[in-house]
């Protein structure tokens, strides 16, 4: 069906930057909202940012002004540019996408495996 593969995570010092990418592939008919979530050890998964097909963006308050979400609608890729990173941004970051597949008009949410972001102080 659909696979989401994240990349771009790594170790960075506080104040540094990283860009995450998420590529959706498979028998895709249309990709609707795409988003980034994160989960720190012992914590629940939380929304970081999301972007609709109409390019409407929403951000968690803690990342506003620092993170930017974007997408390539032709290639079905979502990006998360992270600037001014803080140690509290350390988490496993997951990509999500609401996708309809060929032969079925309704959509469902798919998830990637996650990419680790670690910010040192």
PDB file of N, CA and C in Angstrom:
ATOM      1  N   UNK A   1       0.839  -1.202   0.000  1.00  0.00           N
ATOM      2  CA  UNK A   1       0.000   0.000   0.000  1.00  0.00           C
ATOM      3  C   UNK A   1       0.868   1.243   0.000  1.00  0.00           C
ATOM      4  N   UNK A   2       1.077   1.825   1.192  1.00  0.00           N
ATOM      5  CA  UNK A   2       1.815   3.071   1.327  1.00  0.00           C
ATOM      6  C   UNK A   2       2.916   2.908   2.347  1.00  0.00           C
ATOM      7  N   UNK A   3       4.075   3.446   2.022  1.00  0.00           N
ATOM      8  CA  UNK A   3       5.199   3.458   2.937  1.00  0.00           C
ATOM      9  C   UNK A   3       5.690   4.884   3.117  1.00  0.00           C
ATOM     10  N   UNK A   4       6.048   5.232   4.350  1.00  0.00           N
ATOM     11  CA  UNK A   4       6.633   6.520   4.654  1.00  0.00           C
ATOM     12  C   UNK A   4       8.024   6.283   5.220  1.00  0.00           C
ATOM     13  N   UNK A   5       9.006   6.936   4.646  1.00  0.00           N
ATOM     14  CA  UNK A   5      10.383   6.770   5.081  1.00  0.00           C
ATOM     15  C   UNK A   5      10.954   8.121   5.461  1.00  0.00           C
ATOM     16  N   UNK A   6      11.373   8.250   6.720  1.00  0.00           N
ATOM     17  CA  UNK A   6      11.960   9.487   7.210  1.00  0.00           C
ATOM     18  C   UNK A   6      13.480   9.431   7.124  1.00  0.00           C
ATOM     19  N   UNK A   7      14.080  10.592   6.998  1.00  0.00           N
ATOM     20  CA  UNK A   7      15.529  10.697   7.019  1.00  0.00           C
ATOM     21  C   UNK A   7      15.916  12.085   7.497  1.00  0.00           C
ATOM     22  N   UNK A   8      17.176  12.251   7.845  1.00  0.00           N
ATOM     23  CA  UNK A   8      17.687  13.554   8.222  1.00  0.00           C
ATOM     24  C   UNK A   8      17.940  13.746   9.701  1.00  0.00           C
ATOM     25  N   UNK A   9      17.556  12.786  10.519  1.00  0.00           N
ATOM     26  CA  UNK A   9      17.806  12.905  11.941  1.00  0.00           C
ATOM     27  C   UNK A   9      19.278  12.755  12.258  1.00  0.00           C
ATOM     28  N   UNK A  10      19.625  13.076  13.485  1.00  0.00           N
ATOM     29  CA  UNK A  10      21.007  12.963  13.898  1.00  0.00           C
ATOM     30  C   UNK A  10      21.273  13.695  15.186  1.00  0.00           C
ATOM     31  N   UNK A  11      22.550  13.879  15.463  1.00  0.00           N
ATOM     32  CA  UNK A  11      23.000  14.572  16.660  1.00  0.00           C
ATOM     33  C   UNK A  11      23.468  15.966  16.290  1.00  0.00           C
ATOM     34  N   UNK A  12      22.987  16.948  17.025  1.00  0.00           N
ATOM     35  CA  UNK A  12      23.349  18.328  16.754  1.00  0.00           C
ATOM     36  C   UNK A  12      23.450  19.079  18.076  1.00  0.00           C
ATOM     37  N   UNK A  13      24.307  20.080  18.109  1.00  0.00           N
ATOM     38  CA  UNK A  13      24.441  20.906  19.300  1.00  0.00           C
ATOM     39  C   UNK A  13      23.298  21.904  19.396  1.00  0.00           C
ATOM     40  N   UNK A  14      23.001  22.319  20.607  1.00  0.00           N
ATOM     41  CA  UNK A  14      21.973  23.327  20.819  1.00  0.00           C
ATOM     42  C   UNK A  14      22.261  24.555  19.969  1.00  0.00           C
ATOM     43  N   UNK A  15      21.213  25.073  19.349  1.00  0.00           N
ATOM     44  CA  UNK A  15      21.354  26.207  18.462  1.00  0.00           C
ATOM     45  C   UNK A  15      21.568  25.829  17.015  1.00  0.00           C
ATOM     46  N   UNK A  16      21.813  24.567  16.759  1.00  0.00           N
ATOM     47  CA  UNK A  16      22.049  24.094  15.413  1.00  0.00           C
ATOM     48  C   UNK A  16      20.768  23.805  14.662  1.00  0.00           C
ATOM     49  N   UNK A  17      20.934  23.262  13.463  1.00  0.00           N
ATOM     50  CA  UNK A  17      19.796  23.010  12.584  1.00  0.00           C
ATOM     51  C   UNK A  17      19.850  21.613  11.992  1.00  0.00           C
ATOM     52  N   UNK A  18      18.685  21.092  11.688  1.00  0.00           N
ATOM     53  CA  UNK A  18      18.534  19.842  10.970  1.00  0.00           C
ATOM     54  C   UNK A  18      17.326  19.965  10.060  1.00  0.00           C
ATOM     55  N   UNK A  19      17.342  19.229   8.957  1.00  0.00           N
ATOM     56  CA  UNK A  19      16.168  19.145   8.108  1.00  0.00           C
ATOM     57  C   UNK A  19      15.763  17.691   7.957  1.00  0.00           C
ATOM     58  N   UNK A  20      14.546  17.385   8.337  1.00  0.00           N
ATOM     59  CA  UNK A  20      13.996  16.060   8.183  1.00  0.00           C
ATOM     60  C   UNK A  20      13.211  15.976   6.882  1.00  0.00           C
ATOM     61  N   UNK A  21      13.202  14.816   6.287  1.00  0.00           N
ATOM     62  CA  UNK A  21      12.396  14.599   5.107  1.00  0.00           C
ATOM     63  C   UNK A  21      11.596  13.314   5.266  1.00  0.00           C
ATOM     64  N   UNK A  22      10.472  13.264   4.595  1.00  0.00           N
ATOM     65  CA  UNK A  22       9.582  12.113   4.647  1.00  0.00           C
ATOM     66  C   UNK A  22       9.066  11.859   3.246  1.00  0.00           C
ATOM     67  N   UNK A  23       9.384  10.710   2.704  1.00  0.00           N
ATOM     68  CA  UNK A  23       8.964  10.348   1.362  1.00  0.00           C
ATOM     69  C   UNK A  23       7.870   9.284   1.415  1.00  0.00           C
ATOM     70  N   UNK A  24       6.749   9.580   0.808  1.00  0.00           N
ATOM     71  CA  UNK A  24       5.648   8.633   0.723  1.00  0.00           C
ATOM     72  C   UNK A  24       5.685   7.921  -0.620  1.00  0.00           C
ATOM     73  N   UNK A  25       5.525   6.618  -0.597  1.00  0.00           N
ATOM     74  CA  UNK A  25       5.543   5.844  -1.827  1.00  0.00           C
ATOM     75  C   UNK A  25       4.502   4.735  -1.763  1.00  0.00           C
ATOM     76  N   UNK A  26       4.199   4.164  -2.913  1.00  0.00           N
ATOM     77  CA  UNK A  26       3.216   3.105  -2.999  1.00  0.00           C
ATOM     78  C   UNK A  26       2.159   3.430  -4.027  1.00  0.00           C
ATOM     79  N   UNK A  27       1.039   2.746  -3.924  1.00  0.00           N
ATOM     80  CA  UNK A  27      -0.061   2.946  -4.868  1.00  0.00           C
ATOM     81  C   UNK A  27      -0.909   4.143  -4.448  1.00  0.00           C
ATOM     82  N   UNK A  28      -0.293   5.300  -4.482  1.00  0.00           N
ATOM     83  CA  UNK A  28      -0.909   6.521  -3.970  1.00  0.00           C
ATOM     84  C   UNK A  28      -1.787   7.182  -5.021  1.00  0.00           C
ATOM     85  N   UNK A  29      -2.998   7.479  -4.615  1.00  0.00           N
ATOM     86  CA  UNK A  29      -3.886   8.270  -5.451  1.00  0.00           C
ATOM     87  C   UNK A  29      -3.742   9.755  -5.116  1.00  0.00           C
ATOM     88  N   UNK A  30      -3.793  10.061  -3.826  1.00  0.00           N
ATOM     89  CA  UNK A  30      -3.704  11.445  -3.381  1.00  0.00           C
ATOM     90  C   UNK A  30      -3.237  11.491  -1.938  1.00  0.00           C
ATOM     91  N   UNK A  31      -2.380  12.463  -1.643  1.00  0.00           N
ATOM     92  CA  UNK A  31      -1.914  12.690  -0.289  1.00  0.00           C
ATOM     93  C   UNK A  31      -2.554  13.971   0.237  1.00  0.00           C
ATOM     94  N   UNK A  32      -3.194  13.869   1.372  1.00  0.00           N
ATOM     95  CA  UNK A  32      -3.840  15.026   1.975  1.00  0.00           C
ATOM     96  C   UNK A  32      -2.899  15.635   3.017  1.00  0.00           C
ATOM     97  N   UNK A  33      -3.333  15.737   4.246  1.00  0.00           N
ATOM     98  CA  UNK A  33      -2.488  16.345   5.264  1.00  0.00           C
ATOM     99  C   UNK A  33      -1.272  15.478   5.583  1.00  0.00           C
ATOM    100  N   UNK A  34      -0.116  16.120   5.700  1.00  0.00           N
ATOM    101  CA  UNK A  34       1.097  15.467   6.159  1.00  0.00           C
ATOM    102  C   UNK A  34       1.557  16.167   7.428  1.00  0.00           C
ATOM    103  N   UNK A  35       2.171  15.415   8.315  1.00  0.00           N
ATOM    104  CA  UNK A  35       2.575  16.008   9.567  1.00  0.00           C
ATOM    105  C   UNK A  35       3.783  15.347  10.178  1.00  0.00           C
ATOM    106  N   UNK A  36       4.344  16.033  11.157  1.00  0.00           N
ATOM    107  CA  UNK A  36       5.459  15.523  11.941  1.00  0.00           C
ATOM    108  C   UNK A  36       5.056  15.461  13.403  1.00  0.00           C
ATOM    109  N   UNK A  37       5.323  14.339  14.025  1.00  0.00           N
ATOM    110  CA  UNK A  37       5.095  14.125  15.441  1.00  0.00           C
ATOM    111  C   UNK A  37       6.411  13.746  16.092  1.00  0.00           C
ATOM    112  N   UNK A  38       6.471  13.863  17.401  1.00  0.00           N
ATOM    113  CA  UNK A  38       7.671  13.429  18.108  1.00  0.00           C
ATOM    114  C   UNK A  38       7.293  12.782  19.430  1.00  0.00           C
ATOM    115  N   UNK A  39       8.176  11.920  19.893  1.00  0.00           N
ATOM    116  CA  UNK A  39       7.958  11.220  21.144  1.00  0.00           C
ATOM    117  C   UNK A  39       9.284  11.079  21.877  1.00  0.00           C
ATOM    118  N   UNK A  40       9.348  11.663  23.055  1.00  0.00           N
ATOM    119  CA  UNK A  40      10.515  11.541  23.909  1.00  0.00           C
ATOM    120  C   UNK A  40      10.328  10.335  24.830  1.00  0.00           C
ATOM    121  N   UNK A  41      11.417   9.777  25.361  1.00  0.00           N
ATOM    122  CA  UNK A  41      11.301   8.619  26.254  1.00  0.00           C
ATOM    123  C   UNK A  41      10.361   8.891  27.420  1.00  0.00           C
ATOM    124  N   UNK A  42       9.432   7.979  27.646  1.00  0.00           N
ATOM    125  CA  UNK A  42       8.494   8.120  28.741  1.00  0.00           C
ATOM    126  C   UNK A  42       7.383   9.116  28.506  1.00  0.00           C
ATOM    127  N   UNK A  43       7.335   9.705  27.322  1.00  0.00           N
ATOM    128  CA  UNK A  43       6.332  10.713  27.004  1.00  0.00           C
ATOM    129  C   UNK A  43       5.391  10.216  25.914  1.00  0.00           C
ATOM    130  N   UNK A  44       4.266  10.878  25.785  1.00  0.00           N
ATOM    131  CA  UNK A  44       3.328  10.550  24.733  1.00  0.00           C
ATOM    132  C   UNK A  44       3.715  11.249  23.437  1.00  0.00           C
ATOM    133  N   UNK A  45       3.305  10.669  22.337  1.00  0.00           N
ATOM    134  CA  UNK A  45       3.569  11.268  21.047  1.00  0.00           C
ATOM    135  C   UNK A  45       2.778  12.564  20.906  1.00  0.00           C
ATOM    136  N   UNK A  46       3.421  13.596  20.397  1.00  0.00           N
ATOM    137  CA  UNK A  46       2.782  14.888  20.254  1.00  0.00           C
ATOM    138  C   UNK A  46       2.987  15.450  18.858  1.00  0.00           C
ATOM    139  N   UNK A  47       2.024  16.234  18.423  1.00  0.00           N
ATOM    140  CA  UNK A  47       2.116  16.876  17.116  1.00  0.00           C
ATOM    141  C   UNK A  47       3.141  17.994  17.166  1.00  0.00           C
ATOM    142  N   UNK A  48       4.011  18.020  16.181  1.00  0.00           N
ATOM    143  CA  UNK A  48       4.985  19.095  16.031  1.00  0.00           C
ATOM    144  C   UNK A  48       4.495  20.105  15.004  1.00  0.00           C
ATOM    145  N   UNK A  49       4.133  19.623  13.835  1.00  0.00           N
ATOM    146  CA  UNK A  49       3.668  20.491  12.763  1.00  0.00           C
ATOM    147  C   UNK A  49       2.915  19.661  11.744  1.00  0.00           C
ATOM    148  N   UNK A  50       2.004  20.292  11.034  1.00  0.00           N
ATOM    149  CA  UNK A  50       1.311  19.622   9.959  1.00  0.00           C
ATOM    150  C   UNK A  50       1.025  20.604   8.841  1.00  0.00           C
ATOM    151  N   UNK A  51       0.809  20.069   7.651  1.00  0.00           N
ATOM    152  CA  UNK A  51       0.547  20.895   6.485  1.00  0.00           C
ATOM    153  C   UNK A  51      -0.495  20.211   5.623  1.00  0.00           C
ATOM    154  N   UNK A  52      -1.516  20.959   5.231  1.00  0.00           N
ATOM    155  CA  UNK A  52      -2.583  20.411   4.415  1.00  0.00           C
ATOM    156  C   UNK A  52      -2.203  20.448   2.946  1.00  0.00           C
ATOM    157  N   UNK A  53      -3.056  19.858   2.122  1.00  0.00           N
ATOM    158  CA  UNK A  53      -2.822  19.886   0.689  1.00  0.00           C
ATOM    159  C   UNK A  53      -2.917  21.307   0.148  1.00  0.00           C
ATOM    160  N   UNK A  54      -3.670  22.167   0.835  1.00  0.00           N
ATOM    161  CA  UNK A  54      -3.768  23.567   0.459  1.00  0.00           C
ATOM    162  C   UNK A  54      -2.672  24.409   1.095  1.00  0.00           C
ATOM    163  N   UNK A  55      -1.689  23.760   1.694  1.00  0.00           N
ATOM    164  CA  UNK A  55      -0.507  24.400   2.270  1.00  0.00           C
ATOM    165  C   UNK A  55      -0.821  25.238   3.505  1.00  0.00           C
ATOM    166  N   UNK A  56      -1.878  24.880   4.220  1.00  0.00           N
ATOM    167  CA  UNK A  56      -2.163  25.495   5.500  1.00  0.00           C
ATOM    168  C   UNK A  56      -1.313  24.799   6.557  1.00  0.00           C
ATOM    169  N   UNK A  57      -0.590  25.577   7.332  1.00  0.00           N
ATOM    170  CA  UNK A  57       0.357  25.039   8.301  1.00  0.00           C
ATOM    171  C   UNK A  57      -0.081  25.291   9.731  1.00  0.00           C
ATOM    172  N   UNK A  58       0.161  24.317  10.583  1.00  0.00           N
ATOM    173  CA  UNK A  58      -0.077  24.446  12.011  1.00  0.00           C
ATOM    174  C   UNK A  58       1.149  23.943  12.752  1.00  0.00           C
ATOM    175  N   UNK A  59       1.500  24.630  13.837  1.00  0.00           N
ATOM    176  CA  UNK A  59       2.683  24.284  14.607  1.00  0.00           C
ATOM    177  C   UNK A  59       2.355  24.193  16.087  1.00  0.00           C
ATOM    178  N   UNK A  60       3.063  23.325  16.768  1.00  0.00           N
ATOM    179  CA  UNK A  60       3.039  23.328  18.210  1.00  0.00           C
ATOM    180  C   UNK A  60       3.670  24.634  18.674  1.00  0.00           C
ATOM    181  N   UNK A  61       3.123  25.209  19.735  1.00  0.00           N
ATOM    182  CA  UNK A  61       3.595  26.509  20.201  1.00  0.00           C
ATOM    183  C   UNK A  61       5.096  26.526  20.484  1.00  0.00           C
ATOM    184  N   UNK A  62       5.621  25.448  20.998  1.00  0.00           N
ATOM    185  CA  UNK A  62       7.021  25.415  21.401  1.00  0.00           C
ATOM    186  C   UNK A  62       7.998  25.476  20.230  1.00  0.00           C
ATOM    187  N   UNK A  63       7.519  25.238  19.012  1.00  0.00           N
ATOM    188  CA  UNK A  63       8.415  25.251  17.859  1.00  0.00           C
ATOM    189  C   UNK A  63       8.135  26.398  16.907  1.00  0.00           C
ATOM    190  N   UNK A  64       7.121  27.187  17.180  1.00  0.00           N
ATOM    191  CA  UNK A  64       6.789  28.309  16.314  1.00  0.00           C
ATOM    192  C   UNK A  64       7.962  29.284  16.237  1.00  0.00           C
ATOM    193  N   UNK A  65       8.268  29.693  15.026  1.00  0.00           N
ATOM    194  CA  UNK A  65       9.383  30.595  14.809  1.00  0.00           C
ATOM    195  C   UNK A  65      10.711  29.896  14.643  1.00  0.00           C
ATOM    196  N   UNK A  66      10.763  28.606  14.953  1.00  0.00           N
ATOM    197  CA  UNK A  66      12.001  27.849  14.828  1.00  0.00           C
ATOM    198  C   UNK A  66      11.912  26.762  13.760  1.00  0.00           C
ATOM    199  N   UNK A  67      10.752  26.114  13.655  1.00  0.00           N
ATOM    200  CA  UNK A  67      10.569  25.022  12.708  1.00  0.00           C
ATOM    201  C   UNK A  67       9.692  25.472  11.548  1.00  0.00           C
ATOM    202  N   UNK A  68       9.938  24.911  10.385  1.00  0.00           N
ATOM    203  CA  UNK A  68       9.127  25.179   9.210  1.00  0.00           C
ATOM    204  C   UNK A  68       8.800  23.872   8.508  1.00  0.00           C
ATOM    205  N   UNK A  69       7.517  23.633   8.283  1.00  0.00           N
ATOM    206  CA  UNK A  69       7.102  22.447   7.551  1.00  0.00           C
ATOM    207  C   UNK A  69       6.771  22.846   6.121  1.00  0.00           C
ATOM    208  N   UNK A  70       7.138  22.003   5.180  1.00  0.00           N
ATOM    209  CA  UNK A  70       6.840  22.246   3.780  1.00  0.00           C
ATOM    210  C   UNK A  70       6.604  20.908   3.097  1.00  0.00           C
ATOM    211  N   UNK A  71       6.174  20.954   1.844  1.00  0.00           N
ATOM    212  CA  UNK A  71       5.916  19.707   1.127  1.00  0.00           C
ATOM    213  C   UNK A  71       6.067  19.887  -0.371  1.00  0.00           C
ATOM    214  N   UNK A  72       6.364  18.788  -1.022  1.00  0.00           N
ATOM    215  CA  UNK A  72       6.397  18.691  -2.463  1.00  0.00           C
ATOM    216  C   UNK A  72       5.216  17.811  -2.838  1.00  0.00           C
ATOM    217  N   UNK A  73       4.181  18.397  -3.389  1.00  0.00           N
ATOM    218  CA  UNK A  73       2.966  17.642  -3.681  1.00  0.00           C
ATOM    219  C   UNK A  73       3.123  16.702  -4.873  1.00  0.00           C
ATOM    220  N   UNK A  74       4.058  17.007  -5.750  1.00  0.00           N
ATOM    221  CA  UNK A  74       4.283  16.139  -6.901  1.00  0.00           C
ATOM    222  C   UNK A  74       5.009  14.868  -6.480  1.00  0.00           C
ATOM    223  N   UNK A  75       6.044  15.028  -5.668  1.00  0.00           N
ATOM    224  CA  UNK A  75       6.857  13.898  -5.242  1.00  0.00           C
ATOM    225  C   UNK A  75       6.386  13.283  -3.930  1.00  0.00           C
ATOM    226  N   UNK A  76       5.370  13.870  -3.299  1.00  0.00           N
ATOM    227  CA  UNK A  76       4.836  13.365  -2.031  1.00  0.00           C
ATOM    228  C   UNK A  76       5.909  13.299  -0.945  1.00  0.00           C
ATOM    229  N   UNK A  77       6.577  14.407  -0.761  1.00  0.00           N
ATOM    230  CA  UNK A  77       7.616  14.514   0.244  1.00  0.00           C
ATOM    231  C   UNK A  77       7.287  15.653   1.193  1.00  0.00           C
ATOM    232  N   UNK A  78       7.420  15.412   2.478  1.00  0.00           N
ATOM    233  CA  UNK A  78       7.273  16.444   3.492  1.00  0.00           C
ATOM    234  C   UNK A  78       8.619  16.718   4.125  1.00  0.00           C
ATOM    235  N   UNK A  79       8.838  17.970   4.482  1.00  0.00           N
ATOM    236  CA  UNK A  79      10.088  18.382   5.101  1.00  0.00           C
ATOM    237  C   UNK A  79       9.800  19.092   6.415  1.00  0.00           C
ATOM    238  N   UNK A  80      10.746  19.015   7.313  1.00  0.00           N
ATOM    239  CA  UNK A  80      10.689  19.779   8.542  1.00  0.00           C
ATOM    240  C   UNK A  80      12.051  20.407   8.762  1.00  0.00           C
ATOM    241  N   UNK A  81      12.140  21.702   8.509  1.00  0.00           N
ATOM    242  CA  UNK A  81      13.366  22.437   8.760  1.00  0.00           C
ATOM    243  C   UNK A  81      13.356  22.881  10.210  1.00  0.00           C
ATOM    244  N   UNK A  82      14.350  22.457  10.965  1.00  0.00           N
ATOM    245  CA  UNK A  82      14.429  22.745  12.388  1.00  0.00           C
ATOM    246  C   UNK A  82      15.644  23.616  12.656  1.00  0.00           C
ATOM    247  N   UNK A  83      15.405  24.816  13.131  1.00  0.00           N
ATOM    248  CA  UNK A  83      16.460  25.756  13.468  1.00  0.00           C
ATOM    249  C   UNK A  83      16.436  26.057  14.960  1.00  0.00           C
ATOM    250  N   UNK A  84      17.523  26.607  15.446  1.00  0.00           N
ATOM    251  CA  UNK A  84      17.636  26.981  16.860  1.00  0.00           C
ATOM    252  C   UNK A  84      17.214  25.841  17.769  1.00  0.00           C
ATOM    253  N   UNK A  85      17.730  24.673  17.497  1.00  0.00           N
ATOM    254  CA  UNK A  85      17.328  23.481  18.243  1.00  0.00           C
ATOM    255  C   UNK A  85      17.730  23.573  19.708  1.00  0.00           C
ATOM    256  N   UNK A  86      16.877  23.017  20.543  1.00  0.00           N
ATOM    257  CA  UNK A  86      17.073  22.997  21.982  1.00  0.00           C
ATOM    258  C   UNK A  86      17.131  21.558  22.472  1.00  0.00           C
ATOM    259  N   UNK A  87      17.782  21.309  23.607  1.00  0.00           N
ATOM    260  CA  UNK A  87      17.818  19.948  24.142  1.00  0.00           C
ATOM    261  C   UNK A  87      16.429  19.339  24.321  1.00  0.00           C
ATOM    262  N   UNK A  88      15.441  20.146  24.649  1.00  0.00           N
ATOM    263  CA  UNK A  88      14.094  19.639  24.824  1.00  0.00           C
ATOM    264  C   UNK A  88      13.429  19.208  23.524  1.00  0.00           C
ATOM    265  N   UNK A  89      14.067  19.484  22.390  1.00  0.00           N
ATOM    266  CA  UNK A  89      13.578  18.987  21.110  1.00  0.00           C
ATOM    267  C   UNK A  89      13.985  17.538  20.869  1.00  0.00           C
ATOM    268  N   UNK A  90      14.844  17.008  21.710  1.00  0.00           N
ATOM    269  CA  UNK A  90      15.306  15.636  21.557  1.00  0.00           C
ATOM    270  C   UNK A  90      14.137  14.659  21.632  1.00  0.00           C
ATOM    271  N   UNK A  91      13.991  13.845  20.609  1.00  0.00           N
ATOM    272  CA  UNK A  91      12.883  12.900  20.538  1.00  0.00           C
ATOM    273  C   UNK A  91      13.022  12.050  19.282  1.00  0.00           C
ATOM    274  N   UNK A  92      12.189  11.041  19.197  1.00  0.00           N
ATOM    275  CA  UNK A  92      12.031  10.282  17.970  1.00  0.00           C
ATOM    276  C   UNK A  92      10.938  10.972  17.166  1.00  0.00           C
ATOM    277  N   UNK A  93      11.272  11.390  15.969  1.00  0.00           N
ATOM    278  CA  UNK A  93      10.339  12.138  15.130  1.00  0.00           C
ATOM    279  C   UNK A  93       9.704  11.220  14.097  1.00  0.00           C
ATOM    280  N   UNK A  94       8.378  11.274  14.023  1.00  0.00           N
ATOM    281  CA  UNK A  94       7.613  10.440  13.111  1.00  0.00           C
ATOM    282  C   UNK A  94       6.899  11.280  12.069  1.00  0.00           C
ATOM    283  N   UNK A  95       6.865  10.782  10.877  1.00  0.00           N
ATOM    284  CA  UNK A  95       6.102  11.391   9.803  1.00  0.00           C
ATOM    285  C   UNK A  95       4.749  10.703   9.696  1.00  0.00           C
ATOM    286  N   UNK A  96       3.720  11.474   9.409  1.00  0.00           N
ATOM    287  CA  UNK A  96       2.407  10.908   9.151  1.00  0.00           C
ATOM    288  C   UNK A  96       1.831  11.510   7.883  1.00  0.00           C
ATOM    289  N   UNK A  97       0.935  10.774   7.252  1.00  0.00           N
ATOM    290  CA  UNK A  97       0.296  11.264   6.041  1.00  0.00           C
ATOM    291  C   UNK A  97      -1.074  10.638   5.890  1.00  0.00           C
ATOM    292  N   UNK A  98      -2.045  11.459   5.552  1.00  0.00           N
ATOM    293  CA  UNK A  98      -3.374  10.973   5.214  1.00  0.00           C
ATOM    294  C   UNK A  98      -3.389  10.719   3.717  1.00  0.00           C
ATOM    295  N   UNK A  99      -3.596   9.461   3.339  1.00  0.00           N
ATOM    296  CA  UNK A  99      -3.399   9.047   1.954  1.00  0.00           C
ATOM    297  C   UNK A  99      -4.570   8.211   1.463  1.00  0.00           C
ATOM    298  N   UNK A 100      -5.009   8.486   0.247  1.00  0.00           N
ATOM    299  CA  UNK A 100      -5.929   7.593  -0.454  1.00  0.00           C
ATOM    300  C   UNK A 100      -5.127   6.809  -1.483  1.00  0.00           C
ATOM    301  N   UNK A 101      -5.485   5.567  -1.683  1.00  0.00           N
ATOM    302  CA  UNK A 101      -4.748   4.720  -2.606  1.00  0.00           C
ATOM    303  C   UNK A 101      -5.550   4.477  -3.878  1.00  0.00           C
ATOM    304  N   UNK A 102      -4.853   4.041  -4.905  1.00  0.00           N
ATOM    305  CA  UNK A 102      -5.490   3.742  -6.176  1.00  0.00           C
ATOM    306  C   UNK A 102      -6.542   2.650  -5.983  1.00  0.00           C
ATOM    307  N   UNK A 103      -7.734   2.902  -6.465  1.00  0.00           N
ATOM    308  CA  UNK A 103      -8.809   1.938  -6.351  1.00  0.00           C
ATOM    309  C   UNK A 103      -9.699   2.111  -5.144  1.00  0.00           C
ATOM    310  N   UNK A 104      -9.349   3.048  -4.277  1.00  0.00           N
ATOM    311  CA  UNK A 104     -10.147   3.318  -3.092  1.00  0.00           C
ATOM    312  C   UNK A 104     -10.117   4.813  -2.818  1.00  0.00           C
ATOM    313  N   UNK A 105     -11.273   5.422  -2.788  1.00  0.00           N
ATOM    314  CA  UNK A 105     -11.343   6.880  -2.688  1.00  0.00           C
ATOM    315  C   UNK A 105     -11.100   7.391  -1.273  1.00  0.00           C
ATOM    316  N   UNK A 106     -11.496   6.640  -0.266  1.00  0.00           N
ATOM    317  CA  UNK A 106     -11.324   7.086   1.106  1.00  0.00           C
ATOM    318  C   UNK A 106      -9.861   7.026   1.516  1.00  0.00           C
ATOM    319  N   UNK A 107      -9.502   7.826   2.500  1.00  0.00           N
ATOM    320  CA  UNK A 107      -8.125   7.905   2.942  1.00  0.00           C
ATOM    321  C   UNK A 107      -7.956   7.359   4.355  1.00  0.00           C
ATOM    322  N   UNK A 108      -6.719   7.079   4.721  1.00  0.00           N
ATOM    323  CA  UNK A 108      -6.364   6.674   6.064  1.00  0.00           C
ATOM    324  C   UNK A 108      -5.006   7.269   6.395  1.00  0.00           C
ATOM    325  N   UNK A 109      -4.657   7.216   7.669  1.00  0.00           N
ATOM    326  CA  UNK A 109      -3.400   7.778   8.128  1.00  0.00           C
ATOM    327  C   UNK A 109      -2.312   6.708   8.176  1.00  0.00           C
ATOM    328  N   UNK A 110      -1.168   7.027   7.594  1.00  0.00           N
ATOM    329  CA  UNK A 110      -0.006   6.157   7.609  1.00  0.00           C
ATOM    330  C   UNK A 110       1.103   6.800   8.416  1.00  0.00           C
ATOM    331  N   UNK A 111       1.992   5.964   8.940  1.00  0.00           N
ATOM    332  CA  UNK A 111       3.084   6.427   9.793  1.00  0.00           C
ATOM    333  C   UNK A 111       4.419   5.874   9.333  1.00  0.00           C
ATOM    334  N   UNK A 112       5.453   6.681   9.483  1.00  0.00           N
ATOM    335  CA  UNK A 112       6.793   6.216   9.235  1.00  0.00           C
ATOM    336  C   UNK A 112       7.371   5.538  10.465  1.00  0.00           C
ATOM    337  N   UNK A 113       8.595   5.036  10.345  1.00  0.00           N
ATOM    338  CA  UNK A 113       9.236   4.318  11.437  1.00  0.00           C
ATOM    339  C   UNK A 113       9.905   5.237  12.448  1.00  0.00           C
ATOM    340  N   UNK A 114      10.134   6.477  12.077  1.00  0.00           N
ATOM    341  CA  UNK A 114      10.730   7.431  12.980  1.00  0.00           C
ATOM    342  C   UNK A 114      12.205   7.658  12.707  1.00  0.00           C
ATOM    343  N   UNK A 115      12.660   8.857  13.003  1.00  0.00           N
ATOM    344  CA  UNK A 115      14.068   9.200  12.904  1.00  0.00           C
ATOM    345  C   UNK A 115      14.464   9.955  14.164  1.00  0.00           C
ATOM    346  N   UNK A 116      15.594   9.592  14.729  1.00  0.00           N
ATOM    347  CA  UNK A 116      16.011  10.146  16.009  1.00  0.00           C
ATOM    348  C   UNK A 116      16.670  11.504  15.842  1.00  0.00           C
ATOM    349  N   UNK A 117      16.238  12.450  16.657  1.00  0.00           N
ATOM    350  CA  UNK A 117      16.873  13.766  16.741  1.00  0.00           C
ATOM    351  C   UNK A 117      17.368  13.948  18.161  1.00  0.00           C
ATOM    352  N   UNK A 118      18.652  14.184  18.296  1.00  0.00           N
ATOM    353  CA  UNK A 118      19.251  14.388  19.607  1.00  0.00           C
ATOM    354  C   UNK A 118      19.977  15.723  19.617  1.00  0.00           C
ATOM    355  N   UNK A 119      19.622  16.572  20.562  1.00  0.00           N
ATOM    356  CA  UNK A 119      20.212  17.902  20.682  1.00  0.00           C
ATOM    357  C   UNK A 119      21.000  17.968  21.978  1.00  0.00           C
ATOM    358  N   UNK A 120      22.284  18.186  21.875  1.00  0.00           N
ATOM    359  CA  UNK A 120      23.144  18.262  23.044  1.00  0.00           C
ATOM    360  C   UNK A 120      23.243  19.699  23.536  1.00  0.00           C
ATOM    361  N   UNK A 121      23.430  19.862  24.830  1.00  0.00           N
ATOM    362  CA  UNK A 121      23.520  21.184  25.423  1.00  0.00           C
ATOM    363  C   UNK A 121      24.945  21.704  25.398  1.00  0.00           C
TER     364      UNK A 121
END
